[in-house]
């Protein structure tokens, strides 16, 4: 049997997909504790992996790995990642099977052949099924630095429970409308002594402003708008300290899941059949499963094809708030 002393894992993007590769890194580290495990990704995502103790080196598409590897695990499996794998002197290359044809059937013909809707993290592990690598029942892993945790700490100095609100997403059809989030927050803050952190990147700053404008002024002191003001891993450190997280189908959802947070997840055009629900983390999913137009895309769209956006508009802010209140009432800071 081939001795495996050097491993390269390739996943070029994006936030959630990379977070979902971390269980595989744990399994490889357990199976080959003496092996060097390297990772190749795009530069914006290096921060997600920089403090991961299971990795020996991180390379990017701008500074590619060189030399030889006993095993290359291509979890992107596109033309670019395949070219990177071919450029290595690899003893063995294994690839993640995307099964895009199943996604096409579900989106276009509403034929669901996904079976048990296995999580992508488990499907990543399938690429190693011919190797002595076994799974476990643990979730994803992230490691904020001491400095990132120090950044987060001052926001948790009071005794109130804190709800992280990840209201953004790359695609319109994955975003719960800002006015609905505002109504939801108004109901929550009226019933609970809660602190809320608005979290997101620079592209989410406008959405945060919309939410703040629609929430009554009396509740503004209990909402801290940090959208666009934190690095990715500073945001991770904030999520690590939150008592619960309300989120769209977004990379921040997977980051929060890595810390075992209680998640309240809003799915519009998203479908659990694609395998991107939180991995081994407690969550409550809000979706309108009765709509025959869902999913309209496997990644999301920049508009609703039908123009009514019922997949999100049908989700009642009051009912979601009631569910969160019932979950959080009576529980102190974790």
C-alpha atoms as a PDB file:
ATOM      1  CA  UNK A   1       0.000   0.000   0.000  1.00  0.00           C
ATOM      2  CA  UNK A   2       1.221   3.500  -0.911  1.00  0.00           C
ATOM      3  CA  UNK A   3       2.691   5.488   1.955  1.00  0.00           C
ATOM      4  CA  UNK A   4       1.021   8.891   2.244  1.00  0.00           C
ATOM      5  CA  UNK A   5       3.268  11.541   3.734  1.00  0.00           C
ATOM      6  CA  UNK A   6       2.235  14.640   1.801  1.00  0.00           C
ATOM      7  CA  UNK A   7      -1.331  15.644   0.887  1.00  0.00           C
ATOM      8  CA  UNK A   8      -2.752  18.581  -1.068  1.00  0.00           C
ATOM      9  CA  UNK A   9      -6.409  19.568  -0.744  1.00  0.00           C
ATOM     10  CA  UNK A  10      -7.848  21.909  -3.389  1.00  0.00           C
ATOM     11  CA  UNK A  11     -11.000  23.975  -2.885  1.00  0.00           C
ATOM     12  CA  UNK A  12     -10.839  27.375  -4.537  1.00  0.00           C
ATOM     13  CA  UNK A  13     -14.098  28.944  -3.349  1.00  0.00           C
ATOM     14  CA  UNK A  14     -16.338  30.005  -1.623  1.00  0.00           C
ATOM     15  CA  UNK A  15     -16.793  30.682   2.106  1.00  0.00           C
ATOM     16  CA  UNK A  16     -19.372  28.015   2.928  1.00  0.00           C
ATOM     17  CA  UNK A  17     -17.849  25.414   0.634  1.00  0.00           C
ATOM     18  CA  UNK A  18     -14.427  25.865   2.224  1.00  0.00           C
ATOM     19  CA  UNK A  19     -15.792  25.685   5.775  1.00  0.00           C
ATOM     20  CA  UNK A  20     -17.487  22.425   4.775  1.00  0.00           C
ATOM     21  CA  UNK A  21     -14.096  20.956   3.800  1.00  0.00           C
ATOM     22  CA  UNK A  22     -12.795  21.230   7.377  1.00  0.00           C
ATOM     23  CA  UNK A  23     -14.279  17.889   8.543  1.00  0.00           C
ATOM     24  CA  UNK A  24     -12.370  16.196   5.709  1.00  0.00           C
ATOM     25  CA  UNK A  25      -9.159  17.859   6.918  1.00  0.00           C
ATOM     26  CA  UNK A  26      -9.842  16.455  10.383  1.00  0.00           C
ATOM     27  CA  UNK A  27     -10.424  12.967   8.973  1.00  0.00           C
ATOM     28  CA  UNK A  28      -7.223  13.106   6.893  1.00  0.00           C
ATOM     29  CA  UNK A  29      -5.242  14.290   9.917  1.00  0.00           C
ATOM     30  CA  UNK A  30      -6.620  11.428  11.992  1.00  0.00           C
ATOM     31  CA  UNK A  31      -5.894   8.816   9.313  1.00  0.00           C
ATOM     32  CA  UNK A  32      -2.410  10.163   8.489  1.00  0.00           C
ATOM     33  CA  UNK A  33      -1.186  11.950  11.651  1.00  0.00           C
ATOM     34  CA  UNK A  34       2.400  12.178  10.403  1.00  0.00           C
ATOM     35  CA  UNK A  35       1.488  13.543   6.958  1.00  0.00           C
ATOM     36  CA  UNK A  36       1.885  17.149   5.873  1.00  0.00           C
ATOM     37  CA  UNK A  37      -1.485  18.465   4.668  1.00  0.00           C
ATOM     38  CA  UNK A  38      -1.403  21.516   2.379  1.00  0.00           C
ATOM     39  CA  UNK A  39      -4.348  23.473   0.980  1.00  0.00           C
ATOM     40  CA  UNK A  40      -4.838  25.521  -2.182  1.00  0.00           C
ATOM     41  CA  UNK A  41      -7.582  28.149  -2.442  1.00  0.00           C
ATOM     42  CA  UNK A  42      -8.204  31.651  -3.775  1.00  0.00           C
ATOM     43  CA  UNK A  43      -6.559  34.546  -1.877  1.00  0.00           C
ATOM     44  CA  UNK A  44      -9.769  35.986  -0.312  1.00  0.00           C
ATOM     45  CA  UNK A  45     -10.390  32.727   1.551  1.00  0.00           C
ATOM     46  CA  UNK A  46      -6.948  32.107   3.061  1.00  0.00           C
ATOM     47  CA  UNK A  47      -8.087  33.655   6.353  1.00  0.00           C
ATOM     48  CA  UNK A  48     -10.569  30.816   6.889  1.00  0.00           C
ATOM     49  CA  UNK A  49      -7.696  28.336   7.022  1.00  0.00           C
ATOM     50  CA  UNK A  50      -4.752  30.371   8.304  1.00  0.00           C
ATOM     51  CA  UNK A  51      -5.006  29.184  11.932  1.00  0.00           C
ATOM     52  CA  UNK A  52      -6.112  25.635  11.200  1.00  0.00           C
ATOM     53  CA  UNK A  53      -3.668  23.387  13.124  1.00  0.00           C
ATOM     54  CA  UNK A  54      -4.259  20.487  10.724  1.00  0.00           C
ATOM     55  CA  UNK A  55      -2.596  22.329   7.827  1.00  0.00           C
ATOM     56  CA  UNK A  56       1.121  22.624   7.136  1.00  0.00           C
ATOM     57  CA  UNK A  57       0.937  25.223   4.348  1.00  0.00           C
ATOM     58  CA  UNK A  58      -1.664  27.222   2.445  1.00  0.00           C
ATOM     59  CA  UNK A  59      -1.210  28.063  -1.232  1.00  0.00           C
ATOM     60  CA  UNK A  60      -3.304  30.217  -3.529  1.00  0.00           C
ATOM     61  CA  UNK A  61      -4.104  30.549  -7.202  1.00  0.00           C
ATOM     62  CA  UNK A  62      -1.554  33.377  -7.214  1.00  0.00           C
ATOM     63  CA  UNK A  63       1.127  31.306  -5.465  1.00  0.00           C
ATOM     64  CA  UNK A  64       0.558  27.719  -6.527  1.00  0.00           C
ATOM     65  CA  UNK A  65       2.045  24.687  -4.805  1.00  0.00           C
ATOM     66  CA  UNK A  66       4.916  22.917  -6.500  1.00  0.00           C
ATOM     67  CA  UNK A  67       6.691  19.616  -6.184  1.00  0.00           C
ATOM     68  CA  UNK A  68       5.239  16.212  -5.491  1.00  0.00           C
ATOM     69  CA  UNK A  69       2.347  14.933  -3.379  1.00  0.00           C
ATOM     70  CA  UNK A  70       1.387  11.402  -2.454  1.00  0.00           C
ATOM     71  CA  UNK A  71      -2.291  12.385  -2.551  1.00  0.00           C
ATOM     72  CA  UNK A  72      -4.156  15.291  -4.175  1.00  0.00           C
ATOM     73  CA  UNK A  73      -7.797  15.759  -3.152  1.00  0.00           C
ATOM     74  CA  UNK A  74      -9.609  17.997  -5.653  1.00  0.00           C
ATOM     75  CA  UNK A  75     -12.811  19.165  -3.969  1.00  0.00           C
ATOM     76  CA  UNK A  76     -13.485  21.870  -6.587  1.00  0.00           C
ATOM     77  CA  UNK A  77     -13.322  19.623  -9.644  1.00  0.00           C
ATOM     78  CA  UNK A  78     -13.439  22.299 -12.328  1.00  0.00           C
ATOM     79  CA  UNK A  79     -11.049  23.133 -15.154  1.00  0.00           C
ATOM     80  CA  UNK A  80      -8.830  25.312 -12.981  1.00  0.00           C
ATOM     81  CA  UNK A  81      -8.513  22.889 -10.086  1.00  0.00           C
ATOM     82  CA  UNK A  82      -7.952  20.007 -12.475  1.00  0.00           C
ATOM     83  CA  UNK A  83      -5.102  21.958 -14.080  1.00  0.00           C
ATOM     84  CA  UNK A  84      -3.548  22.537 -10.651  1.00  0.00           C
ATOM     85  CA  UNK A  85      -3.823  18.836  -9.856  1.00  0.00           C
ATOM     86  CA  UNK A  86      -2.226  17.899 -13.184  1.00  0.00           C
ATOM     87  CA  UNK A  87       0.675  20.265 -12.519  1.00  0.00           C
ATOM     88  CA  UNK A  88       1.583  18.301  -9.386  1.00  0.00           C
ATOM     89  CA  UNK A  89       3.708  15.185  -9.344  1.00  0.00           C
ATOM     90  CA  UNK A  90       0.902  13.304  -7.651  1.00  0.00           C
ATOM     91  CA  UNK A  91       0.970   9.683  -6.627  1.00  0.00           C
ATOM     92  CA  UNK A  92      -2.815   9.684  -6.569  1.00  0.00           C
ATOM     93  CA  UNK A  93      -5.558  12.199  -7.414  1.00  0.00           C
ATOM     94  CA  UNK A  94      -9.125  11.876  -6.151  1.00  0.00           C
ATOM     95  CA  UNK A  95     -12.005  14.209  -7.029  1.00  0.00           C
ATOM     96  CA  UNK A  96     -15.287  15.298  -5.522  1.00  0.00           C
ATOM     97  CA  UNK A  97     -18.264  14.199  -7.616  1.00  0.00           C
ATOM     98  CA  UNK A  98     -20.505  17.233  -8.012  1.00  0.00           C
ATOM     99  CA  UNK A  99     -23.436  15.376  -9.615  1.00  0.00           C
ATOM    100  CA  UNK A 100     -24.503  18.542 -11.412  1.00  0.00           C
ATOM    101  CA  UNK A 101     -26.944  16.550 -13.528  1.00  0.00           C
ATOM    102  CA  UNK A 102     -29.041  15.911 -10.421  1.00  0.00           C
ATOM    103  CA  UNK A 103     -29.095  19.640  -9.682  1.00  0.00           C
ATOM    104  CA  UNK A 104     -30.181  20.335 -13.270  1.00  0.00           C
ATOM    105  CA  UNK A 105     -33.043  17.848 -13.046  1.00  0.00           C
ATOM    106  CA  UNK A 106     -34.241  19.332  -9.759  1.00  0.00           C
ATOM    107  CA  UNK A 107     -34.057  22.962 -10.910  1.00  0.00           C
ATOM    108  CA  UNK A 108     -35.451  22.512 -14.410  1.00  0.00           C
ATOM    109  CA  UNK A 109     -37.773  19.499 -14.201  1.00  0.00           C
ATOM    110  CA  UNK A 110     -38.392  19.340 -10.433  1.00  0.00           C
ATOM    111  CA  UNK A 111     -37.213  15.726 -10.421  1.00  0.00           C
ATOM    112  CA  UNK A 112     -35.435  15.037  -7.133  1.00  0.00           C
ATOM    113  CA  UNK A 113     -32.892  12.222  -7.346  1.00  0.00           C
ATOM    114  CA  UNK A 114     -30.797  13.473  -4.433  1.00  0.00           C
ATOM    115  CA  UNK A 115     -32.139  10.722  -2.180  1.00  0.00           C
ATOM    116  CA  UNK A 116     -31.421  11.473   1.463  1.00  0.00           C
ATOM    117  CA  UNK A 117     -29.999  14.942   0.685  1.00  0.00           C
ATOM    118  CA  UNK A 118     -26.620  14.117   2.199  1.00  0.00           C
ATOM    119  CA  UNK A 119     -24.583  17.072   3.341  1.00  0.00           C
ATOM    120  CA  UNK A 120     -21.811  18.226   1.030  1.00  0.00           C
ATOM    121  CA  UNK A 121     -19.292  17.678   3.849  1.00  0.00           C
ATOM    122  CA  UNK A 122     -20.147  13.957   3.783  1.00  0.00           C
ATOM    123  CA  UNK A 123     -20.041  13.897  -0.006  1.00  0.00           C
ATOM    124  CA  UNK A 124     -16.548  15.419   0.123  1.00  0.00           C
ATOM    125  CA  UNK A 125     -15.550  12.464   2.300  1.00  0.00           C
ATOM    126  CA  UNK A 126     -16.874  10.090  -0.378  1.00  0.00           C
ATOM    127  CA  UNK A 127     -13.909  11.073  -2.533  1.00  0.00           C
ATOM    128  CA  UNK A 128     -11.706   9.248   0.002  1.00  0.00           C
ATOM    129  CA  UNK A 129     -13.794   6.081   0.244  1.00  0.00           C
ATOM    130  CA  UNK A 130     -11.011   3.902  -1.204  1.00  0.00           C
ATOM    131  CA  UNK A 131      -8.615   5.142   1.462  1.00  0.00           C
ATOM    132  CA  UNK A 132      -8.519   4.182   5.161  1.00  0.00           C
ATOM    133  CA  UNK A 133     -10.278   7.407   6.159  1.00  0.00           C
ATOM    134  CA  UNK A 134     -13.378   7.313   8.348  1.00  0.00           C
ATOM    135  CA  UNK A 135     -15.848   9.992   9.361  1.00  0.00           C
ATOM    136  CA  UNK A 136     -17.240  11.055  12.719  1.00  0.00           C
ATOM    137  CA  UNK A 137     -20.224  12.955  14.069  1.00  0.00           C
ATOM    138  CA  UNK A 138     -18.440  16.237  14.682  1.00  0.00           C
ATOM    139  CA  UNK A 139     -19.093  19.433  12.746  1.00  0.00           C
ATOM    140  CA  UNK A 140     -16.966  21.963  10.908  1.00  0.00           C
ATOM    141  CA  UNK A 141     -13.943  23.683  12.442  1.00  0.00           C
ATOM    142  CA  UNK A 142     -12.685  27.270  12.487  1.00  0.00           C
ATOM    143  CA  UNK A 143      -9.930  28.821  14.589  1.00  0.00           C
ATOM    144  CA  UNK A 144     -10.098  32.599  15.148  1.00  0.00           C
ATOM    145  CA  UNK A 145      -6.813  34.053  16.349  1.00  0.00           C
ATOM    146  CA  UNK A 146      -6.189  35.564  19.774  1.00  0.00           C
ATOM    147  CA  UNK A 147      -6.370  39.015  18.173  1.00  0.00           C
ATOM    148  CA  UNK A 148      -9.667  38.275  16.444  1.00  0.00           C
ATOM    149  CA  UNK A 149     -11.191  36.999  19.665  1.00  0.00           C
ATOM    150  CA  UNK A 150      -9.920  40.100  21.467  1.00  0.00           C
ATOM    151  CA  UNK A 151     -11.689  42.218  18.845  1.00  0.00           C
ATOM    152  CA  UNK A 152     -14.974  40.418  19.530  1.00  0.00           C
ATOM    153  CA  UNK A 153     -14.799  40.434  23.315  1.00  0.00           C
ATOM    154  CA  UNK A 154     -15.970  44.033  24.054  1.00  0.00           C
ATOM    155  CA  UNK A 155     -19.280  43.415  22.299  1.00  0.00           C
ATOM    156  CA  UNK A 156     -20.252  40.835  24.922  1.00  0.00           C
ATOM    157  CA  UNK A 157     -19.591  42.683  28.149  1.00  0.00           C
ATOM    158  CA  UNK A 158     -23.243  43.003  29.187  1.00  0.00           C
ATOM    159  CA  UNK A 159     -25.381  40.131  30.445  1.00  0.00           C
ATOM    160  CA  UNK A 160     -27.957  40.188  27.648  1.00  0.00           C
ATOM    161  CA  UNK A 161     -28.241  37.336  25.219  1.00  0.00           C
ATOM    162  CA  UNK A 162     -26.845  38.185  21.800  1.00  0.00           C
ATOM    163  CA  UNK A 163     -28.374  37.257  18.471  1.00  0.00           C
ATOM    164  CA  UNK A 164     -26.130  37.382  15.421  1.00  0.00           C
ATOM    165  CA  UNK A 165     -28.072  38.445  12.325  1.00  0.00           C
ATOM    166  CA  UNK A 166     -26.460  37.439   9.021  1.00  0.00           C
ATOM    167  CA  UNK A 167     -28.902  39.135   6.671  1.00  0.00           C
ATOM    168  CA  UNK A 168     -26.910  39.136   3.438  1.00  0.00           C
ATOM    169  CA  UNK A 169     -26.228  36.607   0.677  1.00  0.00           C
ATOM    170  CA  UNK A 170     -24.511  36.745  -2.697  1.00  0.00           C
ATOM    171  CA  UNK A 171     -27.762  36.309  -4.622  1.00  0.00           C
ATOM    172  CA  UNK A 172     -31.055  38.186  -4.317  1.00  0.00           C
ATOM    173  CA  UNK A 173     -33.234  35.072  -4.116  1.00  0.00           C
ATOM    174  CA  UNK A 174     -31.358  33.946  -0.993  1.00  0.00           C
ATOM    175  CA  UNK A 175     -31.957  37.246   0.874  1.00  0.00           C
ATOM    176  CA  UNK A 176     -34.875  37.710   3.230  1.00  0.00           C
ATOM    177  CA  UNK A 177     -36.130  41.258   2.478  1.00  0.00           C
ATOM    178  CA  UNK A 178     -34.783  43.997   4.788  1.00  0.00           C
ATOM    179  CA  UNK A 179     -38.277  45.187   5.718  1.00  0.00           C
ATOM    180  CA  UNK A 180     -39.140  41.664   6.874  1.00  0.00           C
ATOM    181  CA  UNK A 181     -35.967  41.491   8.951  1.00  0.00           C
ATOM    182  CA  UNK A 182     -36.901  44.853  10.479  1.00  0.00           C
ATOM    183  CA  UNK A 183     -40.378  43.596  11.400  1.00  0.00           C
ATOM    184  CA  UNK A 184     -38.862  40.425  12.833  1.00  0.00           C
ATOM    185  CA  UNK A 185     -36.334  42.353  14.941  1.00  0.00           C
ATOM    186  CA  UNK A 186     -39.014  44.736  16.187  1.00  0.00           C
ATOM    187  CA  UNK A 187     -41.069  41.797  17.414  1.00  0.00           C
ATOM    188  CA  UNK A 188     -38.042  40.116  19.002  1.00  0.00           C
ATOM    189  CA  UNK A 189     -36.779  43.200  20.795  1.00  0.00           C
ATOM    190  CA  UNK A 190     -40.257  43.947  22.081  1.00  0.00           C
ATOM    191  CA  UNK A 191     -40.358  40.551  23.810  1.00  0.00           C
ATOM    192  CA  UNK A 192     -36.769  39.838  24.869  1.00  0.00           C
ATOM    193  CA  UNK A 193     -33.910  41.800  26.518  1.00  0.00           C
ATOM    194  CA  UNK A 194     -31.771  40.963  23.525  1.00  0.00           C
ATOM    195  CA  UNK A 195     -28.687  42.453  21.897  1.00  0.00           C
ATOM    196  CA  UNK A 196     -28.482  42.076  18.107  1.00  0.00           C
ATOM    197  CA  UNK A 197     -25.328  42.210  15.972  1.00  0.00           C
ATOM    198  CA  UNK A 198     -25.815  42.971  12.268  1.00  0.00           C
ATOM    199  CA  UNK A 199     -23.051  41.048  10.511  1.00  0.00           C
ATOM    200  CA  UNK A 200     -21.921  41.007   6.910  1.00  0.00           C
ATOM    201  CA  UNK A 201     -19.387  42.266   4.427  1.00  0.00           C
ATOM    202  CA  UNK A 202     -19.015  45.649   2.727  1.00  0.00           C
ATOM    203  CA  UNK A 203     -21.622  44.687   0.133  1.00  0.00           C
ATOM    204  CA  UNK A 204     -24.144  44.233   2.956  1.00  0.00           C
ATOM    205  CA  UNK A 205     -23.765  47.733   4.422  1.00  0.00           C
ATOM    206  CA  UNK A 206     -26.686  49.141   2.406  1.00  0.00           C
ATOM    207  CA  UNK A 207     -28.964  46.323   3.552  1.00  0.00           C
ATOM    208  CA  UNK A 208     -28.019  46.988   7.171  1.00  0.00           C
ATOM    209  CA  UNK A 209     -28.971  50.649   6.738  1.00  0.00           C
ATOM    210  CA  UNK A 210     -32.362  49.628   5.338  1.00  0.00           C
ATOM    211  CA  UNK A 211     -32.997  47.401   8.343  1.00  0.00           C
ATOM    212  CA  UNK A 212     -31.986  50.109  10.811  1.00  0.00           C
ATOM    213  CA  UNK A 213     -34.212  52.704   9.152  1.00  0.00           C
ATOM    214  CA  UNK A 214     -37.238  50.405   9.408  1.00  0.00           C
ATOM    215  CA  UNK A 215     -36.710  49.440  13.070  1.00  0.00           C
ATOM    216  CA  UNK A 216     -38.252  51.887  15.595  1.00  0.00           C
ATOM    217  CA  UNK A 217     -35.713  54.301  17.064  1.00  0.00           C
ATOM    218  CA  UNK A 218     -36.413  53.024  20.572  1.00  0.00           C
ATOM    219  CA  UNK A 219     -34.737  49.713  19.720  1.00  0.00           C
ATOM    220  CA  UNK A 220     -31.632  51.157  18.022  1.00  0.00           C
ATOM    221  CA  UNK A 221     -29.463  51.139  21.187  1.00  0.00           C
ATOM    222  CA  UNK A 222     -29.810  47.347  21.313  1.00  0.00           C
ATOM    223  CA  UNK A 223     -28.684  46.813  17.715  1.00  0.00           C
ATOM    224  CA  UNK A 224     -24.995  47.062  16.820  1.00  0.00           C
ATOM    225  CA  UNK A 225     -24.430  47.476  13.100  1.00  0.00           C
ATOM    226  CA  UNK A 226     -21.075  45.875  12.231  1.00  0.00           C
ATOM    227  CA  UNK A 227     -21.797  45.150   8.570  1.00  0.00           C
ATOM    228  CA  UNK A 228     -18.769  46.037   6.473  1.00  0.00           C
ATOM    229  CA  UNK A 229     -16.676  46.924   9.520  1.00  0.00           C
ATOM    230  CA  UNK A 230     -15.065  43.560  10.330  1.00  0.00           C
ATOM    231  CA  UNK A 231     -12.730  41.162   8.604  1.00  0.00           C
ATOM    232  CA  UNK A 232     -14.069  37.727   7.787  1.00  0.00           C
ATOM    233  CA  UNK A 233     -12.422  36.095  10.791  1.00  0.00           C
ATOM    234  CA  UNK A 234     -13.349  38.969  13.108  1.00  0.00           C
ATOM    235  CA  UNK A 235     -16.926  38.219  12.090  1.00  0.00           C
ATOM    236  CA  UNK A 236     -16.257  34.551  12.849  1.00  0.00           C
ATOM    237  CA  UNK A 237     -15.024  35.499  16.320  1.00  0.00           C
ATOM    238  CA  UNK A 238     -18.233  37.477  16.894  1.00  0.00           C
ATOM    239  CA  UNK A 239     -20.366  34.530  15.778  1.00  0.00           C
ATOM    240  CA  UNK A 240     -18.394  32.293  18.127  1.00  0.00           C
ATOM    241  CA  UNK A 241     -19.633  34.378  21.071  1.00  0.00           C
ATOM    242  CA  UNK A 242     -23.279  34.797  20.007  1.00  0.00           C
ATOM    243  CA  UNK A 243     -25.993  32.833  21.797  1.00  0.00           C
ATOM    244  CA  UNK A 244     -27.894  32.161  18.563  1.00  0.00           C
ATOM    245  CA  UNK A 245     -27.700  33.152  14.908  1.00  0.00           C
ATOM    246  CA  UNK A 246     -30.443  34.090  12.442  1.00  0.00           C
ATOM    247  CA  UNK A 247     -29.262  33.789   8.867  1.00  0.00           C
ATOM    248  CA  UNK A 248     -29.988  33.345   5.216  1.00  0.00           C
ATOM    249  CA  UNK A 249     -28.361  30.541   3.227  1.00  0.00           C
ATOM    250  CA  UNK A 250     -24.910  32.092   3.275  1.00  0.00           C
ATOM    251  CA  UNK A 251     -21.291  31.370   4.108  1.00  0.00           C
ATOM    252  CA  UNK A 252     -21.718  32.985   7.533  1.00  0.00           C
ATOM    253  CA  UNK A 253     -24.291  30.295   8.322  1.00  0.00           C
ATOM    254  CA  UNK A 254     -21.584  27.649   7.914  1.00  0.00           C
ATOM    255  CA  UNK A 255     -19.109  29.702   9.921  1.00  0.00           C
ATOM    256  CA  UNK A 256     -21.627  29.895  12.785  1.00  0.00           C
ATOM    257  CA  UNK A 257     -22.256  26.159  12.525  1.00  0.00           C
ATOM    258  CA  UNK A 258     -18.535  25.540  13.133  1.00  0.00           C
ATOM    259  CA  UNK A 259     -19.022  26.916  16.650  1.00  0.00           C
ATOM    260  CA  UNK A 260     -22.101  24.816  17.389  1.00  0.00           C
ATOM    261  CA  UNK A 261     -24.409  27.829  17.477  1.00  0.00           C
ATOM    262  CA  UNK A 262     -28.170  27.400  17.532  1.00  0.00           C
ATOM    263  CA  UNK A 263     -29.177  28.475  14.026  1.00  0.00           C
ATOM    264  CA  UNK A 264     -32.412  29.872  12.654  1.00  0.00           C
ATOM    265  CA  UNK A 265     -32.102  29.456   8.894  1.00  0.00           C
ATOM    266  CA  UNK A 266     -34.190  31.145   6.172  1.00  0.00           C
ATOM    267  CA  UNK A 267     -34.389  29.407   2.796  1.00  0.00           C
ATOM    268  CA  UNK A 268     -35.927  31.187  -0.174  1.00  0.00           C
ATOM    269  CA  UNK A 269     -34.860  29.725  -3.505  1.00  0.00           C
ATOM    270  CA  UNK A 270     -32.482  27.386  -1.659  1.00  0.00           C
ATOM    271  CA  UNK A 271     -33.221  23.696  -1.252  1.00  0.00           C
ATOM    272  CA  UNK A 272     -31.941  21.247   1.336  1.00  0.00           C
ATOM    273  CA  UNK A 273     -31.602  18.740  -1.517  1.00  0.00           C
ATOM    274  CA  UNK A 274     -28.364  20.454  -2.556  1.00  0.00           C
ATOM    275  CA  UNK A 275     -26.715  19.431   0.732  1.00  0.00           C
ATOM    276  CA  UNK A 276     -25.855  22.810   2.247  1.00  0.00           C
ATOM    277  CA  UNK A 277     -27.747  22.782   5.515  1.00  0.00           C
ATOM    278  CA  UNK A 278     -25.674  23.348   8.690  1.00  0.00           C
ATOM    279  CA  UNK A 279     -23.417  20.363   9.308  1.00  0.00           C
ATOM    280  CA  UNK A 280     -23.835  18.607  12.677  1.00  0.00           C
ATOM    281  CA  UNK A 281     -25.202  21.779  14.277  1.00  0.00           C
ATOM    282  CA  UNK A 282     -28.644  22.441  15.741  1.00  0.00           C
ATOM    283  CA  UNK A 283     -30.868  24.484  13.448  1.00  0.00           C
ATOM    284  CA  UNK A 284     -34.466  25.347  12.702  1.00  0.00           C
ATOM    285  CA  UNK A 285     -35.306  25.789   9.036  1.00  0.00           C
ATOM    286  CA  UNK A 286     -37.912  28.247   7.775  1.00  0.00           C
ATOM    287  CA  UNK A 287     -39.055  27.699   4.189  1.00  0.00           C
ATOM    288  CA  UNK A 288     -42.222  27.488   2.103  1.00  0.00           C
ATOM    289  CA  UNK A 289     -41.996  23.896   0.930  1.00  0.00           C
ATOM    290  CA  UNK A 290     -45.348  24.141  -0.882  1.00  0.00           C
ATOM    291  CA  UNK A 291     -44.040  26.274  -3.740  1.00  0.00           C
ATOM    292  CA  UNK A 292     -43.535  24.240  -6.901  1.00  0.00           C
ATOM    293  CA  UNK A 293     -41.173  26.854  -8.352  1.00  0.00           C
ATOM    294  CA  UNK A 294     -38.519  26.064  -5.729  1.00  0.00           C
ATOM    295  CA  UNK A 295     -35.624  25.719  -6.322  1.00  0.00           C
ATOM    296  CA  UNK A 296     -35.315  28.090  -9.275  1.00  0.00           C
ATOM    297  CA  UNK A 297     -31.515  27.787  -9.240  1.00  0.00           C
ATOM    298  CA  UNK A 298     -28.898  25.738  -7.422  1.00  0.00           C
ATOM    299  CA  UNK A 299     -26.850  28.829  -6.542  1.00  0.00           C
ATOM    300  CA  UNK A 300     -29.428  31.647  -6.477  1.00  0.00           C
ATOM    301  CA  UNK A 301     -30.597  34.360  -8.878  1.00  0.00           C
ATOM    302  CA  UNK A 302     -30.411  38.147  -9.076  1.00  0.00           C
ATOM    303  CA  UNK A 303     -34.209  38.361  -9.377  1.00  0.00           C
ATOM    304  CA  UNK A 304     -37.322  36.267  -8.831  1.00  0.00           C
ATOM    305  CA  UNK A 305     -38.294  34.673 -12.185  1.00  0.00           C
ATOM    306  CA  UNK A 306     -41.985  34.953 -11.287  1.00  0.00           C
ATOM    307  CA  UNK A 307     -41.731  38.477  -9.902  1.00  0.00           C
ATOM    308  CA  UNK A 308     -43.568  37.761  -6.631  1.00  0.00           C
ATOM    309  CA  UNK A 309     -40.669  36.415  -4.536  1.00  0.00           C
ATOM    310  CA  UNK A 310     -43.122  34.290  -2.582  1.00  0.00           C
ATOM    311  CA  UNK A 311     -40.403  31.901  -1.380  1.00  0.00           C
ATOM    312  CA  UNK A 312     -39.213  34.663   0.973  1.00  0.00           C
ATOM    313  CA  UNK A 313     -42.274  36.911   1.233  1.00  0.00           C
ATOM    314  CA  UNK A 314     -44.388  33.985   2.485  1.00  0.00           C
ATOM    315  CA  UNK A 315     -42.142  33.552   5.541  1.00  0.00           C
ATOM    316  CA  UNK A 316     -43.894  35.425   8.346  1.00  0.00           C
ATOM    317  CA  UNK A 317     -41.602  37.691  10.425  1.00  0.00           C
ATOM    318  CA  UNK A 318     -43.944  37.306  13.389  1.00  0.00           C
ATOM    319  CA  UNK A 319     -43.937  33.503  13.300  1.00  0.00           C
ATOM    320  CA  UNK A 320     -40.155  33.393  12.959  1.00  0.00           C
ATOM    321  CA  UNK A 321     -39.789  35.834  15.861  1.00  0.00           C
ATOM    322  CA  UNK A 322     -42.160  33.731  17.977  1.00  0.00           C
ATOM    323  CA  UNK A 323     -40.062  30.639  17.326  1.00  0.00           C
ATOM    324  CA  UNK A 324     -36.856  32.429  18.303  1.00  0.00           C
ATOM    325  CA  UNK A 325     -38.476  33.857  21.450  1.00  0.00           C
ATOM    326  CA  UNK A 326     -39.643  30.390  22.515  1.00  0.00           C
ATOM    327  CA  UNK A 327     -36.136  29.039  21.985  1.00  0.00           C
ATOM    328  CA  UNK A 328     -34.272  31.797  23.801  1.00  0.00           C
ATOM    329  CA  UNK A 329     -36.663  32.710  26.618  1.00  0.00           C
ATOM    330  CA  UNK A 330     -35.418  31.526  29.976  1.00  0.00           C
ATOM    331  CA  UNK A 331     -31.866  30.767  28.840  1.00  0.00           C
ATOM    332  CA  UNK A 332     -28.917  32.853  29.947  1.00  0.00           C
ATOM    333  CA  UNK A 333     -25.664  33.661  28.228  1.00  0.00           C
ATOM    334  CA  UNK A 334     -23.840  30.533  27.066  1.00  0.00           C
END
